[in-house]
Amino acid sequence: FKKVYCNELSADFLHAAKQLAAAMKISLDGFIEG
């Protein structure tokens, strides 16, 4: 999929998503809290 973003209301889970993306070496196009 061309552009993929991740959204979470929880700052803890958004941070967790960033950590998982880095560990899997998959680059998402943006992370949005709220």
PDB file of all heavy atoms in Angstrom:
ATOM      1  N   PHE A   1       0.852  -1.189   0.000  1.00  0.00           N
ATOM      2  CA  PHE A   1       0.000   0.000   0.000  1.00  0.00           C
ATOM      3  C   PHE A   1       0.891   1.244   0.000  1.00  0.00           C
ATOM      4  O   PHE A   1       1.877   1.319   0.748  1.00  0.00           O
ATOM      5  CB  PHE A   1      -0.926  -0.008   1.210  1.00  0.00           C
ATOM      6  CG  PHE A   1      -2.089  -0.963   1.072  1.00  0.00           C
ATOM      7  CD1 PHE A   1      -1.896  -2.335   1.068  1.00  0.00           C
ATOM      8  CD2 PHE A   1      -3.381  -0.481   0.927  1.00  0.00           C
ATOM      9  CE1 PHE A   1      -2.960  -3.218   0.934  1.00  0.00           C
ATOM     10  CE2 PHE A   1      -4.459  -1.348   0.791  1.00  0.00           C
ATOM     11  CZ  PHE A   1      -4.242  -2.724   0.790  1.00  0.00           C
ATOM     12  N   LYS A   2       0.545   2.222  -0.820  1.00  0.00           N
ATOM     13  CA  LYS A   2       1.436   3.346  -1.098  1.00  0.00           C
ATOM     14  C   LYS A   2       1.785   4.143   0.151  1.00  0.00           C
ATOM     15  O   LYS A   2       2.957   4.347   0.477  1.00  0.00           O
ATOM     16  CB  LYS A   2       0.795   4.266  -2.137  1.00  0.00           C
ATOM     17  CG  LYS A   2       1.667   5.460  -2.512  1.00  0.00           C
ATOM     18  CD  LYS A   2       0.976   6.351  -3.523  1.00  0.00           C
ATOM     19  CE  LYS A   2       1.836   7.556  -3.874  1.00  0.00           C
ATOM     20  NZ  LYS A   2       1.154   8.469  -4.832  1.00  0.00           N
ATOM     21  N   LYS A   3       0.772   4.674   0.823  1.00  0.00           N
ATOM     22  CA  LYS A   3       0.984   5.473   2.027  1.00  0.00           C
ATOM     23  C   LYS A   3       0.214   4.830   3.179  1.00  0.00           C
ATOM     24  O   LYS A   3      -0.984   4.548   3.052  1.00  0.00           O
ATOM     25  CB  LYS A   3       0.463   6.898   1.826  1.00  0.00           C
ATOM     26  CG  LYS A   3       1.219   7.710   0.773  1.00  0.00           C
ATOM     27  CD  LYS A   3       2.516   8.243   1.335  1.00  0.00           C
ATOM     28  CE  LYS A   3       3.169   9.202   0.340  1.00  0.00           C
ATOM     29  NZ  LYS A   3       4.437   9.743   0.866  1.00  0.00           N
ATOM     30  N   VAL A   4       0.887   4.612   4.291  1.00  0.00           N
ATOM     31  CA  VAL A   4       0.249   3.993   5.457  1.00  0.00           C
ATOM     32  C   VAL A   4       0.615   4.783   6.709  1.00  0.00           C
ATOM     33  O   VAL A   4       1.798   5.035   6.970  1.00  0.00           O
ATOM     34  CB  VAL A   4       0.664   2.518   5.633  1.00  0.00           C
ATOM     35  CG1 VAL A   4       0.007   1.930   6.879  1.00  0.00           C
ATOM     36  CG2 VAL A   4       0.288   1.703   4.399  1.00  0.00           C
ATOM     37  N   TYR A   5      -0.422   5.142   7.464  1.00  0.00           N
ATOM     38  CA  TYR A   5      -0.254   5.909   8.683  1.00  0.00           C
ATOM     39  C   TYR A   5      -0.822   5.120   9.859  1.00  0.00           C
ATOM     40  O   TYR A   5      -1.694   4.259   9.685  1.00  0.00           O
ATOM     41  CB  TYR A   5      -0.963   7.263   8.573  1.00  0.00           C
ATOM     42  CG  TYR A   5      -0.498   8.086   7.398  1.00  0.00           C
ATOM     43  CD1 TYR A   5      -1.047   7.887   6.124  1.00  0.00           C
ATOM     44  CD2 TYR A   5       0.499   9.040   7.539  1.00  0.00           C
ATOM     45  CE1 TYR A   5      -0.618   8.625   5.037  1.00  0.00           C
ATOM     46  CE2 TYR A   5       0.938   9.790   6.448  1.00  0.00           C
ATOM     47  CZ  TYR A   5       0.368   9.576   5.205  1.00  0.00           C
ATOM     48  OH  TYR A   5       0.807  10.304   4.120  1.00  0.00           O
ATOM     49  N   CYS A   6      -0.349   5.438  11.035  1.00  0.00           N
ATOM     50  CA  CYS A   6      -0.785   4.757  12.249  1.00  0.00           C
ATOM     51  C   CYS A   6      -1.339   5.797  13.216  1.00  0.00           C
ATOM     52  O   CYS A   6      -0.692   6.819  13.472  1.00  0.00           O
ATOM     53  CB  CYS A   6       0.399   4.017  12.871  1.00  0.00           C
ATOM     54  SG  CYS A   6      -0.014   3.069  14.336  1.00  0.00           S
ATOM     55  N   ASN A   7      -2.525   5.551  13.731  1.00  0.00           N
ATOM     56  CA  ASN A   7      -3.157   6.467  14.688  1.00  0.00           C
ATOM     57  C   ASN A   7      -3.483   5.738  15.981  1.00  0.00           C
ATOM     58  O   ASN A   7      -3.910   4.585  15.969  1.00  0.00           O
ATOM     59  CB  ASN A   7      -4.452   7.035  14.102  1.00  0.00           C
ATOM     60  CG  ASN A   7      -5.416   7.506  15.187  1.00  0.00           C
ATOM     61  OD1 ASN A   7      -6.337   6.776  15.552  1.00  0.00           O
ATOM     62  ND2 ASN A   7      -5.195   8.679  15.731  1.00  0.00           N
ATOM     63  N   GLU A   8      -3.273   6.420  17.097  1.00  0.00           N
ATOM     64  CA  GLU A   8      -3.651   5.871  18.401  1.00  0.00           C
ATOM     65  C   GLU A   8      -3.961   7.006  19.368  1.00  0.00           C
ATOM     66  O   GLU A   8      -3.288   8.038  19.373  1.00  0.00           O
ATOM     67  CB  GLU A   8      -2.514   5.023  18.990  1.00  0.00           C
ATOM     68  CG  GLU A   8      -2.848   3.554  19.145  1.00  0.00           C
ATOM     69  CD  GLU A   8      -3.992   3.288  20.099  1.00  0.00           C
ATOM     70  OE1 GLU A   8      -4.222   4.092  21.030  1.00  0.00           O
ATOM     71  OE2 GLU A   8      -4.671   2.266  19.925  1.00  0.00           O
ATOM     72  N   LEU A   9      -5.005   6.800  20.169  1.00  0.00           N
ATOM     73  CA  LEU A   9      -5.326   7.754  21.229  1.00  0.00           C
ATOM     74  C   LEU A   9      -4.322   7.645  22.371  1.00  0.00           C
ATOM     75  O   LEU A   9      -3.992   8.631  23.032  1.00  0.00           O
ATOM     76  CB  LEU A   9      -6.747   7.471  21.747  1.00  0.00           C
ATOM     77  CG  LEU A   9      -7.370   8.486  22.696  1.00  0.00           C
ATOM     78  CD1 LEU A   9      -7.486   9.853  22.039  1.00  0.00           C
ATOM     79  CD2 LEU A   9      -8.747   8.008  23.147  1.00  0.00           C
ATOM     80  N   SER A  10      -3.815   6.444  22.588  1.00  0.00           N
ATOM     81  CA  SER A  10      -2.868   6.183  23.670  1.00  0.00           C
ATOM     82  C   SER A  10      -1.437   6.473  23.214  1.00  0.00           C
ATOM     83  O   SER A  10      -0.943   5.858  22.266  1.00  0.00           O
ATOM     84  CB  SER A  10      -2.970   4.717  24.121  1.00  0.00           C
ATOM     85  OG  SER A  10      -1.839   4.339  24.873  1.00  0.00           O
ATOM     86  N   ALA A  11      -0.763   7.381  23.917  1.00  0.00           N
ATOM     87  CA  ALA A  11       0.635   7.682  23.600  1.00  0.00           C
ATOM     88  C   ALA A  11       1.509   6.450  23.801  1.00  0.00           C
ATOM     89  O   ALA A  11       2.465   6.223  23.049  1.00  0.00           O
ATOM     90  CB  ALA A  11       1.126   8.835  24.473  1.00  0.00           C
ATOM     91  N   ASP A  12       1.182   5.632  24.813  1.00  0.00           N
ATOM     92  CA  ASP A  12       1.957   4.421  25.080  1.00  0.00           C
ATOM     93  C   ASP A  12       1.881   3.438  23.920  1.00  0.00           C
ATOM     94  O   ASP A  12       2.894   2.854  23.498  1.00  0.00           O
ATOM     95  CB  ASP A  12       1.474   3.737  26.365  1.00  0.00           C
ATOM     96  CG  ASP A  12       1.878   4.485  27.620  1.00  0.00           C
ATOM     97  OD1 ASP A  12       2.805   5.323  27.548  1.00  0.00           O
ATOM     98  OD2 ASP A  12       1.268   4.239  28.676  1.00  0.00           O
ATOM     99  N   PHE A  13       0.682   3.253  23.389  1.00  0.00           N
ATOM    100  CA  PHE A  13       0.537   2.311  22.278  1.00  0.00           C
ATOM    101  C   PHE A  13       1.103   2.881  20.981  1.00  0.00           C
ATOM    102  O   PHE A  13       1.625   2.130  20.152  1.00  0.00           O
ATOM    103  CB  PHE A  13      -0.922   1.899  22.105  1.00  0.00           C
ATOM    104  CG  PHE A  13      -1.275   0.645  22.861  1.00  0.00           C
ATOM    105  CD1 PHE A  13      -1.938   0.704  24.073  1.00  0.00           C
ATOM    106  CD2 PHE A  13      -0.933  -0.601  22.370  1.00  0.00           C
ATOM    107  CE1 PHE A  13      -2.247  -0.451  24.780  1.00  0.00           C
ATOM    108  CE2 PHE A  13      -1.241  -1.768  23.058  1.00  0.00           C
ATOM    109  CZ  PHE A  13      -1.893  -1.693  24.273  1.00  0.00           C
ATOM    110  N   LEU A  14       1.005   4.196  20.780  1.00  0.00           N
ATOM    111  CA  LEU A  14       1.608   4.779  19.588  1.00  0.00           C
ATOM    112  C   LEU A  14       3.124   4.599  19.629  1.00  0.00           C
ATOM    113  O   LEU A  14       3.758   4.267  18.614  1.00  0.00           O
ATOM    114  CB  LEU A  14       1.255   6.263  19.480  1.00  0.00           C
ATOM    115  CG  LEU A  14       1.556   6.904  18.120  1.00  0.00           C
ATOM    116  CD1 LEU A  14       0.667   6.303  17.036  1.00  0.00           C
ATOM    117  CD2 LEU A  14       1.381   8.413  18.170  1.00  0.00           C
ATOM    118  N   HIS A  15       3.715   4.781  20.808  1.00  0.00           N
ATOM    119  CA  HIS A  15       5.154   4.537  20.977  1.00  0.00           C
ATOM    120  C   HIS A  15       5.477   3.068  20.710  1.00  0.00           C
ATOM    121  O   HIS A  15       6.485   2.753  20.063  1.00  0.00           O
ATOM    122  CB  HIS A  15       5.580   4.928  22.395  1.00  0.00           C
ATOM    123  CG  HIS A  15       7.019   4.645  22.696  1.00  0.00           C
ATOM    124  ND1 HIS A  15       8.049   5.398  22.170  1.00  0.00           N
ATOM    125  CD2 HIS A  15       7.602   3.676  23.461  1.00  0.00           C
ATOM    126  CE1 HIS A  15       9.211   4.904  22.597  1.00  0.00           C
ATOM    127  NE2 HIS A  15       8.962   3.868  23.369  1.00  0.00           N
ATOM    128  N   ALA A  16       4.602   2.175  21.193  1.00  0.00           N
ATOM    129  CA  ALA A  16       4.805   0.741  20.967  1.00  0.00           C
ATOM    130  C   ALA A  16       4.770   0.418  19.478  1.00  0.00           C
ATOM    131  O   ALA A  16       5.559  -0.395  18.975  1.00  0.00           O
ATOM    132  CB  ALA A  16       3.745  -0.061  21.716  1.00  0.00           C
ATOM    133  N   ALA A  17       3.869   1.056  18.732  1.00  0.00           N
ATOM    134  CA  ALA A  17       3.778   0.835  17.285  1.00  0.00           C
ATOM    135  C   ALA A  17       5.061   1.299  16.587  1.00  0.00           C
ATOM    136  O   ALA A  17       5.551   0.638  15.657  1.00  0.00           O
ATOM    137  CB  ALA A  17       2.562   1.563  16.716  1.00  0.00           C
ATOM    138  N   LYS A  18       5.590   2.427  17.017  1.00  0.00           N
ATOM    139  CA  LYS A  18       6.854   2.916  16.447  1.00  0.00           C
ATOM    140  C   LYS A  18       7.984   1.928  16.722  1.00  0.00           C
ATOM    141  O   LYS A  18       8.811   1.648  15.836  1.00  0.00           O
ATOM    142  CB  LYS A  18       7.211   4.280  17.046  1.00  0.00           C
ATOM    143  CG  LYS A  18       6.288   5.412  16.636  1.00  0.00           C
ATOM    144  CD  LYS A  18       6.696   6.710  17.336  1.00  0.00           C
ATOM    145  CE  LYS A  18       5.768   7.856  16.983  1.00  0.00           C
ATOM    146  NZ  LYS A  18       6.127   9.103  17.692  1.00  0.00           N
ATOM    147  N   GLN A  19       8.017   1.392  17.930  1.00  0.00           N
ATOM    148  CA  GLN A  19       9.057   0.437  18.294  1.00  0.00           C
ATOM    149  C   GLN A  19       8.951  -0.839  17.472  1.00  0.00           C
ATOM    150  O   GLN A  19       9.959  -1.385  16.999  1.00  0.00           O
ATOM    151  CB  GLN A  19       8.948   0.103  19.792  1.00  0.00           C
ATOM    152  CG  GLN A  19       9.251   1.258  20.725  1.00  0.00           C
ATOM    153  CD  GLN A  19      10.691   1.703  20.622  1.00  0.00           C
ATOM    154  OE1 GLN A  19      11.619   0.920  20.805  1.00  0.00           O
ATOM    155  NE2 GLN A  19      10.888   2.977  20.321  1.00  0.00           N
ATOM    156  N   LEU A  20       7.723  -1.318  17.275  1.00  0.00           N
ATOM    157  CA  LEU A  20       7.525  -2.535  16.500  1.00  0.00           C
ATOM    158  C   LEU A  20       7.897  -2.316  15.031  1.00  0.00           C
ATOM    159  O   LEU A  20       8.536  -3.174  14.410  1.00  0.00           O
ATOM    160  CB  LEU A  20       6.076  -3.012  16.617  1.00  0.00           C
ATOM    161  CG  LEU A  20       5.744  -4.324  15.903  1.00  0.00           C
ATOM    162  CD1 LEU A  20       6.596  -5.472  16.436  1.00  0.00           C
ATOM    163  CD2 LEU A  20       4.255  -4.647  16.044  1.00  0.00           C
ATOM    164  N   ALA A  21       7.497  -1.172  14.482  1.00  0.00           N
ATOM    165  CA  ALA A  21       7.837  -0.864  13.092  1.00  0.00           C
ATOM    166  C   ALA A  21       9.354  -0.853  12.898  1.00  0.00           C
ATOM    167  O   ALA A  21       9.869  -1.402  11.908  1.00  0.00           O
ATOM    168  CB  ALA A  21       7.238   0.484  12.695  1.00  0.00           C
ATOM    169  N   ALA A  22      10.060  -0.261  13.855  1.00  0.00           N
ATOM    170  CA  ALA A  22      11.524  -0.214  13.760  1.00  0.00           C
ATOM    171  C   ALA A  22      12.123  -1.614  13.853  1.00  0.00           C
ATOM    172  O   ALA A  22      13.045  -1.955  13.107  1.00  0.00           O
ATOM    173  CB  ALA A  22      12.077   0.684  14.860  1.00  0.00           C
ATOM    174  N   ALA A  23      11.575  -2.430  14.767  1.00  0.00           N
ATOM    175  CA  ALA A  23      12.096  -3.787  14.947  1.00  0.00           C
ATOM    176  C   ALA A  23      11.869  -4.640  13.706  1.00  0.00           C
ATOM    177  O   ALA A  23      12.688  -5.504  13.376  1.00  0.00           O
ATOM    178  CB  ALA A  23      11.446  -4.435  16.167  1.00  0.00           C
ATOM    179  N   MET A  24      10.760  -4.396  13.000  1.00  0.00           N
ATOM    180  CA  MET A  24      10.447  -5.170  11.795  1.00  0.00           C
ATOM    181  C   MET A  24      11.027  -4.541  10.534  1.00  0.00           C
ATOM    182  O   MET A  24      10.875  -5.079   9.443  1.00  0.00           O
ATOM    183  CB  MET A  24       8.925  -5.324  11.659  1.00  0.00           C
ATOM    184  CG  MET A  24       8.287  -6.103  12.796  1.00  0.00           C
ATOM    185  SD  MET A  24       6.482  -6.255  12.638  1.00  0.00           S
ATOM    186  CE  MET A  24       6.354  -7.402  11.265  1.00  0.00           C
ATOM    187  N   LYS A  25      11.652  -3.359  10.698  1.00  0.00           N
ATOM    188  CA  LYS A  25      12.258  -2.634   9.571  1.00  0.00           C
ATOM    189  C   LYS A  25      11.234  -2.316   8.487  1.00  0.00           C
ATOM    190  O   LYS A  25      11.486  -2.468   7.279  1.00  0.00           O
ATOM    191  CB  LYS A  25      13.441  -3.410   8.999  1.00  0.00           C
ATOM    192  CG  LYS A  25      14.599  -3.559   9.979  1.00  0.00           C
ATOM    193  CD  LYS A  25      15.767  -4.312   9.356  1.00  0.00           C
ATOM    194  CE  LYS A  25      16.998  -4.277  10.251  1.00  0.00           C
ATOM    195  NZ  LYS A  25      16.761  -4.819  11.619  1.00  0.00           N
ATOM    196  N   ILE A  26      10.057  -1.865   8.930  1.00  0.00           N
ATOM    197  CA  ILE A  26       9.003  -1.407   8.025  1.00  0.00           C
ATOM    198  C   ILE A  26       8.763   0.068   8.312  1.00  0.00           C
ATOM    199  O   ILE A  26       8.458   0.442   9.447  1.00  0.00           O
ATOM    200  CB  ILE A  26       7.703  -2.210   8.220  1.00  0.00           C
ATOM    201  CG1 ILE A  26       7.923  -3.692   7.888  1.00  0.00           C
ATOM    202  CG2 ILE A  26       6.585  -1.634   7.352  1.00  0.00           C
ATOM    203  CD1 ILE A  26       6.720  -4.571   8.149  1.00  0.00           C
ATOM    204  N   SER A  27       8.893   0.905   7.299  1.00  0.00           N
ATOM    205  CA  SER A  27       8.759   2.357   7.487  1.00  0.00           C
ATOM    206  C   SER A  27       7.337   2.809   7.158  1.00  0.00           C
ATOM    207  O   SER A  27       6.906   2.744   5.993  1.00  0.00           O
ATOM    208  CB  SER A  27       9.754   3.092   6.583  1.00  0.00           C
ATOM    209  OG  SER A  27      11.085   2.785   6.943  1.00  0.00           O
ATOM    210  N   LEU A  28       6.621   3.250   8.186  1.00  0.00           N
ATOM    211  CA  LEU A  28       5.311   3.844   7.952  1.00  0.00           C
ATOM    212  C   LEU A  28       5.486   5.323   7.626  1.00  0.00           C
ATOM    213  O   LEU A  28       6.539   5.917   7.865  1.00  0.00           O
ATOM    214  CB  LEU A  28       4.418   3.651   9.177  1.00  0.00           C
ATOM    215  CG  LEU A  28       4.091   2.201   9.541  1.00  0.00           C
ATOM    216  CD1 LEU A  28       3.071   2.146  10.677  1.00  0.00           C
ATOM    217  CD2 LEU A  28       3.567   1.431   8.340  1.00  0.00           C
ATOM    218  N   ASP A  29       4.422   5.942   7.105  1.00  0.00           N
ATOM    219  CA  ASP A  29       4.523   7.308   6.602  1.00  0.00           C
ATOM    220  C   ASP A  29       4.151   8.365   7.628  1.00  0.00           C
ATOM    221  O   ASP A  29       4.313   9.560   7.366  1.00  0.00           O
ATOM    222  CB  ASP A  29       3.636   7.445   5.360  1.00  0.00           C
ATOM    223  CG  ASP A  29       4.121   6.545   4.229  1.00  0.00           C
ATOM    224  OD1 ASP A  29       5.061   6.949   3.531  1.00  0.00           O
ATOM    225  OD2 ASP A  29       3.581   5.429   4.088  1.00  0.00           O
ATOM    226  N   GLY A  30       3.668   7.953   8.781  1.00  0.00           N
ATOM    227  CA  GLY A  30       3.350   8.916   9.821  1.00  0.00           C
ATOM    228  C   GLY A  30       2.662   8.258  10.996  1.00  0.00           C
ATOM    229  O   GLY A  30       2.009   7.212  10.851  1.00  0.00           O
ATOM    230  N   PHE A  31       2.831   8.856  12.172  1.00  0.00           N
ATOM    231  CA  PHE A  31       2.208   8.387  13.406  1.00  0.00           C
ATOM    232  C   PHE A  31       1.439   9.559  14.011  1.00  0.00           C
ATOM    233  O   PHE A  31       2.006  10.637  14.223  1.00  0.00           O
ATOM    234  CB  PHE A  31       3.255   7.874  14.394  1.00  0.00           C
ATOM    235  CG  PHE A  31       3.988   6.643  13.926  1.00  0.00           C
ATOM    236  CD1 PHE A  31       5.111   6.749  13.116  1.00  0.00           C
ATOM    237  CD2 PHE A  31       3.545   5.379  14.286  1.00  0.00           C
ATOM    238  CE1 PHE A  31       5.792   5.620  12.680  1.00  0.00           C
ATOM    239  CE2 PHE A  31       4.211   4.236  13.855  1.00  0.00           C
ATOM    240  CZ  PHE A  31       5.334   4.363  13.053  1.00  0.00           C
ATOM    241  N   ILE A  32       0.154   9.353  14.286  1.00  0.00           N
ATOM    242  CA  ILE A  32      -0.723  10.436  14.720  1.00  0.00           C
ATOM    243  C   ILE A  32      -1.340  10.080  16.060  1.00  0.00           C
ATOM    244  O   ILE A  32      -2.092   9.093  16.175  1.00  0.00           O
ATOM    245  CB  ILE A  32      -1.843  10.687  13.692  1.00  0.00           C
ATOM    246  CG1 ILE A  32      -1.238  10.934  12.305  1.00  0.00           C
ATOM    247  CG2 ILE A  32      -2.715  11.859  14.126  1.00  0.00           C
ATOM    248  CD1 ILE A  32      -2.223  10.759  11.177  1.00  0.00           C
ATOM    249  N   GLU A  33      -1.059  10.863  17.078  1.00  0.00           N
ATOM    250  CA  GLU A  33      -1.650  10.649  18.395  1.00  0.00           C
ATOM    251  C   GLU A  33      -2.955  11.431  18.501  1.00  0.00           C
ATOM    252  O   GLU A  33      -3.023  12.599  18.125  1.00  0.00           O
ATOM    253  CB  GLU A  33      -0.690  11.100  19.493  1.00  0.00           C
ATOM    254  CG  GLU A  33      -1.220  10.865  20.901  1.00  0.00           C
ATOM    255  CD  GLU A  33      -0.267  11.333  21.984  1.00  0.00           C
ATOM    256  OE1 GLU A  33       0.931  11.532  21.698  1.00  0.00           O
ATOM    257  OE2 GLU A  33      -0.735  11.504  23.143  1.00  0.00           O
ATOM    258  N   GLY A  34      -3.994  10.786  19.007  1.00  0.00           N
ATOM    259  CA  GLY A  34      -5.267  11.475  19.199  1.00  0.00           C
ATOM    260  C   GLY A  34      -6.422  10.699  18.606  1.00  0.00           C
ATOM    261  O   GLY A  34      -6.322   9.512  18.310  1.00  0.00           O
TER     262      GLY A  34
END
